[in-house]
C-alpha cells in the first residue's frame, strides 16, 4: 500500500510546493519513505487550524485510499442495465441470449 500512496503523491502536481518544503527542511531524508508521513502531519495541522490553504483535494490526498471494497450486482451504462450472471439466472426476465451489434465509430 505504501507504494500506491507514494505513486499518487509523487504524481500529484498540487503538492509540489510541499515536496520542495520537505526537501529544504530535510535534505538528507528519504523522500519516498518519510514524505507521506510528514505530509500527513503538515496537512493535518493546517486542517485543524482551519487554514484556507488546506483544500479538500489536499485533505483527500492525506486521507489516502479507502480500505473498504464495494461489490455490486448490477450497473447501468448508457441506459443499458448489466447484471452479474448469478443474479440473472434467478430472474424470469432474462436476456434470452439476444445480442445487438455495437456501433462502429
Foldseek 3Di string as FASTA:
>chain_A
DLVVLLVVVVPDVVCPVVLVVVCVVCVPDDCSPPVLVVLLVVLVVCVVVVPPVNDPVSNVSNVDDDPDDDDDQWDADPNDIDGDPVVQVPDPPHPVPDDDDDDDD
